[in-house]
N, C-alpha and C. Protein backbone atom coordinates (compact mmCIF):
# COMPACT_ATOMS: atom_id res chain seq x y z
N UNK A 1 60.21 106.21 135.14
CA UNK A 1 59.53 105.22 135.95
C UNK A 1 60.55 104.53 136.85
N UNK A 2 60.23 104.48 138.11
CA UNK A 2 61.11 103.81 139.05
C UNK A 2 60.28 102.97 140.00
N UNK A 3 60.66 101.72 140.13
CA UNK A 3 60.01 100.81 141.04
C UNK A 3 61.01 100.41 142.11
N UNK A 4 60.52 100.24 143.33
CA UNK A 4 61.33 99.64 144.38
C UNK A 4 60.83 98.23 144.56
N UNK A 5 61.73 97.27 144.43
CA UNK A 5 61.37 95.86 144.52
C UNK A 5 62.01 95.22 145.74
N UNK A 6 61.23 94.47 146.49
CA UNK A 6 61.75 93.71 147.62
C UNK A 6 61.97 92.28 147.14
N UNK A 7 63.19 91.81 147.29
CA UNK A 7 63.58 90.49 146.80
C UNK A 7 63.93 89.61 148.00
N UNK A 8 63.29 88.46 148.09
CA UNK A 8 63.61 87.47 149.11
C UNK A 8 64.05 86.21 148.40
N UNK A 9 65.31 85.81 148.64
CA UNK A 9 65.85 84.62 147.99
C UNK A 9 66.17 83.56 149.04
N UNK A 10 66.22 82.31 148.58
CA UNK A 10 66.51 81.18 149.46
C UNK A 10 67.77 81.42 150.28
N UNK A 11 67.67 81.22 151.59
CA UNK A 11 68.80 81.28 152.51
C UNK A 11 69.57 82.60 152.46
N UNK A 12 68.89 83.69 152.12
CA UNK A 12 69.53 85.00 152.09
C UNK A 12 68.64 86.03 152.75
N UNK A 13 69.25 87.11 153.19
CA UNK A 13 68.49 88.21 153.77
C UNK A 13 67.74 88.95 152.66
N UNK A 14 66.49 89.34 152.90
CA UNK A 14 65.75 90.13 151.91
C UNK A 14 66.46 91.46 151.67
N UNK A 15 66.31 91.98 150.48
CA UNK A 15 66.88 93.29 150.16
C UNK A 15 65.96 94.01 149.20
N UNK A 16 66.15 95.31 149.08
CA UNK A 16 65.36 96.12 148.16
C UNK A 16 66.28 96.71 147.11
N UNK A 17 65.78 96.78 145.89
CA UNK A 17 66.51 97.42 144.79
C UNK A 17 65.54 98.34 144.05
N UNK A 18 66.10 99.35 143.42
CA UNK A 18 65.31 100.28 142.64
C UNK A 18 65.64 100.11 141.17
N UNK A 19 64.61 100.13 140.34
CA UNK A 19 64.84 100.11 138.91
C UNK A 19 65.28 101.51 138.47
N UNK A 20 65.88 101.58 137.30
CA UNK A 20 66.27 102.86 136.73
C UNK A 20 66.09 102.77 135.22
N UNK A 21 66.48 103.81 134.51
CA UNK A 21 66.31 103.83 133.06
C UNK A 21 67.01 102.65 132.40
N UNK A 22 68.20 102.32 132.86
CA UNK A 22 68.95 101.20 132.28
C UNK A 22 68.17 99.89 132.39
N UNK A 23 67.55 99.65 133.54
CA UNK A 23 66.77 98.44 133.76
C UNK A 23 65.54 98.42 132.86
N UNK A 24 64.85 99.55 132.77
CA UNK A 24 63.63 99.61 131.97
C UNK A 24 63.95 99.43 130.48
N UNK A 25 65.01 100.04 130.00
CA UNK A 25 65.39 99.87 128.59
C UNK A 25 65.78 98.42 128.32
N UNK A 26 66.50 97.79 129.24
CA UNK A 26 66.86 96.38 129.07
C UNK A 26 65.59 95.52 129.01
N UNK A 27 64.61 95.86 129.86
CA UNK A 27 63.32 95.13 129.84
C UNK A 27 62.63 95.32 128.50
N UNK A 28 62.58 96.55 127.99
CA UNK A 28 61.95 96.83 126.70
C UNK A 28 62.61 96.03 125.58
N UNK A 29 63.92 95.98 125.59
CA UNK A 29 64.65 95.25 124.55
C UNK A 29 64.40 93.75 124.63
N UNK A 30 64.40 93.20 125.83
CA UNK A 30 64.21 91.75 125.98
C UNK A 30 62.80 91.32 125.61
N UNK A 31 61.81 92.10 126.05
CA UNK A 31 60.42 91.70 125.86
C UNK A 31 59.75 92.38 124.67
N UNK A 32 60.53 93.16 123.92
CA UNK A 32 60.02 93.82 122.70
C UNK A 32 58.71 94.55 122.99
N UNK A 33 58.74 95.37 124.03
CA UNK A 33 57.57 96.10 124.46
C UNK A 33 57.99 97.49 124.91
N UNK A 34 57.03 98.31 125.20
CA UNK A 34 57.28 99.67 125.69
C UNK A 34 56.91 99.74 127.17
N UNK A 35 57.60 100.60 127.89
CA UNK A 35 57.34 100.75 129.32
C UNK A 35 55.90 101.14 129.57
N UNK A 36 55.29 101.86 128.65
CA UNK A 36 53.89 102.26 128.82
C UNK A 36 52.96 101.05 128.89
N UNK A 37 53.37 99.91 128.33
CA UNK A 37 52.55 98.70 128.38
C UNK A 37 52.43 98.17 129.81
N UNK A 38 53.35 98.55 130.68
CA UNK A 38 53.29 98.09 132.07
C UNK A 38 52.08 98.65 132.80
N UNK A 39 51.49 99.73 132.27
CA UNK A 39 50.30 100.30 132.89
C UNK A 39 49.12 99.33 132.81
N UNK A 40 49.17 98.40 131.86
CA UNK A 40 48.09 97.41 131.69
C UNK A 40 48.27 96.20 132.59
N UNK A 41 49.35 96.16 133.33
CA UNK A 41 49.62 95.04 134.23
C UNK A 41 51.05 94.59 134.12
N UNK A 42 51.60 94.18 135.23
CA UNK A 42 52.98 93.73 135.29
C UNK A 42 52.98 92.25 135.66
N UNK A 43 53.59 91.43 134.82
CA UNK A 43 53.69 90.00 135.10
C UNK A 43 54.84 89.69 136.03
N UNK A 44 54.79 88.54 136.62
CA UNK A 44 55.87 88.12 137.53
C UNK A 44 57.20 87.98 136.80
N UNK A 45 57.17 87.52 135.55
CA UNK A 45 58.43 87.44 134.80
C UNK A 45 59.01 88.83 134.58
N UNK A 46 58.14 89.81 134.34
CA UNK A 46 58.59 91.20 134.19
C UNK A 46 59.30 91.66 135.47
N UNK A 47 58.65 91.43 136.61
CA UNK A 47 59.23 91.84 137.89
C UNK A 47 60.53 91.10 138.17
N UNK A 48 60.55 89.80 137.88
CA UNK A 48 61.76 89.02 138.13
C UNK A 48 62.92 89.54 137.28
N UNK A 49 62.64 89.85 136.01
CA UNK A 49 63.69 90.37 135.14
C UNK A 49 64.20 91.71 135.66
N UNK A 50 63.28 92.59 136.03
CA UNK A 50 63.69 93.89 136.55
C UNK A 50 64.49 93.75 137.85
N UNK A 51 64.05 92.84 138.71
CA UNK A 51 64.78 92.60 139.97
C UNK A 51 66.18 92.05 139.68
N UNK A 52 66.27 91.16 138.71
CA UNK A 52 67.56 90.57 138.33
C UNK A 52 68.52 91.66 137.84
N UNK A 53 68.06 92.47 136.90
CA UNK A 53 68.91 93.52 136.35
C UNK A 53 69.26 94.57 137.40
N UNK A 54 68.26 94.99 138.18
CA UNK A 54 68.51 95.99 139.22
C UNK A 54 69.47 95.45 140.28
N UNK A 55 69.35 94.16 140.60
CA UNK A 55 70.25 93.54 141.58
C UNK A 55 71.68 93.52 141.06
N UNK A 56 71.84 93.15 139.81
CA UNK A 56 73.19 93.14 139.21
C UNK A 56 73.81 94.53 139.25
N UNK A 57 73.03 95.54 138.87
CA UNK A 57 73.53 96.91 138.85
C UNK A 57 73.89 97.38 140.26
N UNK A 58 73.10 96.97 141.24
CA UNK A 58 73.33 97.37 142.64
C UNK A 58 74.49 96.62 143.29
N UNK A 59 75.06 95.64 142.59
CA UNK A 59 76.19 94.90 143.14
C UNK A 59 75.81 93.68 143.95
N UNK A 60 74.54 93.30 143.91
CA UNK A 60 74.12 92.06 144.58
C UNK A 60 74.66 90.87 143.79
N UNK A 61 75.05 89.84 144.49
CA UNK A 61 75.53 88.62 143.83
C UNK A 61 74.30 87.83 143.39
N UNK A 62 74.19 87.60 142.09
CA UNK A 62 73.06 86.87 141.53
C UNK A 62 73.58 85.72 140.67
N UNK A 63 72.76 84.70 140.45
CA UNK A 63 73.16 83.61 139.56
C UNK A 63 73.46 84.13 138.15
N UNK A 64 74.13 83.32 137.37
CA UNK A 64 74.53 83.72 136.02
C UNK A 64 73.36 83.86 135.06
N UNK A 65 72.26 83.16 135.33
CA UNK A 65 71.12 83.22 134.41
C UNK A 65 69.87 83.71 135.12
N UNK A 66 68.98 84.29 134.34
CA UNK A 66 67.71 84.75 134.88
C UNK A 66 66.91 83.58 135.44
N UNK A 67 66.89 82.45 134.74
CA UNK A 67 66.13 81.29 135.22
C UNK A 67 66.63 80.81 136.58
N UNK A 68 67.93 80.82 136.79
CA UNK A 68 68.49 80.41 138.08
C UNK A 68 68.11 81.43 139.16
N UNK A 69 68.10 82.70 138.80
CA UNK A 69 67.68 83.74 139.73
C UNK A 69 66.23 83.53 140.13
N UNK A 70 65.37 83.29 139.14
CA UNK A 70 63.95 83.05 139.40
C UNK A 70 63.77 81.84 140.32
N UNK A 71 64.52 80.78 140.08
CA UNK A 71 64.42 79.58 140.90
C UNK A 71 64.82 79.84 142.35
N UNK A 72 65.65 80.85 142.58
CA UNK A 72 66.12 81.15 143.94
C UNK A 72 65.18 82.08 144.71
N UNK A 73 64.18 82.64 144.04
CA UNK A 73 63.31 83.62 144.68
C UNK A 73 62.22 82.93 145.50
N UNK A 74 62.09 83.38 146.74
CA UNK A 74 61.04 82.91 147.63
C UNK A 74 59.84 83.86 147.54
N UNK A 75 60.12 85.16 147.48
CA UNK A 75 59.07 86.17 147.38
C UNK A 75 59.63 87.39 146.66
N UNK A 76 58.78 87.99 145.84
CA UNK A 76 59.16 89.18 145.09
C UNK A 76 57.95 90.10 145.05
N UNK A 77 58.15 91.35 145.48
CA UNK A 77 57.02 92.27 145.50
C UNK A 77 57.46 93.70 145.25
N UNK A 78 56.51 94.48 144.78
CA UNK A 78 56.74 95.92 144.62
C UNK A 78 56.48 96.56 145.97
N UNK A 79 57.43 97.36 146.43
CA UNK A 79 57.28 98.07 147.69
C UNK A 79 56.57 99.38 147.40
N UNK A 80 55.48 99.61 148.11
CA UNK A 80 54.71 100.83 147.91
C UNK A 80 55.37 101.95 148.68
N UNK A 81 56.04 102.84 147.97
CA UNK A 81 56.70 103.96 148.60
C UNK A 81 55.85 105.21 148.68
N UNK A 82 54.66 105.18 148.10
CA UNK A 82 53.78 106.34 148.10
C UNK A 82 52.94 106.36 149.37
N UNK A 83 52.89 107.50 150.05
CA UNK A 83 52.04 107.57 151.24
C UNK A 83 50.57 107.50 150.86
N UNK A 84 49.77 107.00 151.78
CA UNK A 84 48.33 106.94 151.53
C UNK A 84 47.80 108.35 151.39
N UNK A 85 46.83 108.53 150.52
CA UNK A 85 46.25 109.85 150.30
C UNK A 85 44.85 109.88 150.91
N UNK A 86 44.72 110.52 152.07
CA UNK A 86 43.39 110.58 152.68
C UNK A 86 42.46 111.45 151.84
N UNK A 87 41.21 111.16 151.89
CA UNK A 87 40.24 111.96 151.13
C UNK A 87 40.00 113.27 151.85
N UNK A 88 39.65 114.26 151.11
CA UNK A 88 39.34 115.57 151.69
C UNK A 88 37.85 115.61 152.00
N UNK A 89 37.45 114.99 153.09
CA UNK A 89 36.05 114.87 153.44
C UNK A 89 35.42 116.22 153.78
N UNK A 90 36.24 117.17 154.23
CA UNK A 90 35.70 118.45 154.64
C UNK A 90 35.45 119.42 153.48
N UNK A 91 35.78 119.04 152.27
CA UNK A 91 35.59 119.95 151.14
C UNK A 91 34.27 119.75 150.47
């Protein structure tokens, strides 16, 4: 599972980061859950944690704590990298 997250923080340029196995396993350990549970819905704290870990791995400068990182976020969203799938109306 890989998510691309767009992170907008106070007084900084927006950037995108991708989650990877390391980020997902860290999320599972912190929240005592399985990645498959994300299919039922993803909370903002989940996204913030994944953005924090992915940002650290990508070399982005982030605050020392997750709470400070969350406080600095103006907007956080999943970037839809999948192209739209038109229906096959002619079939």
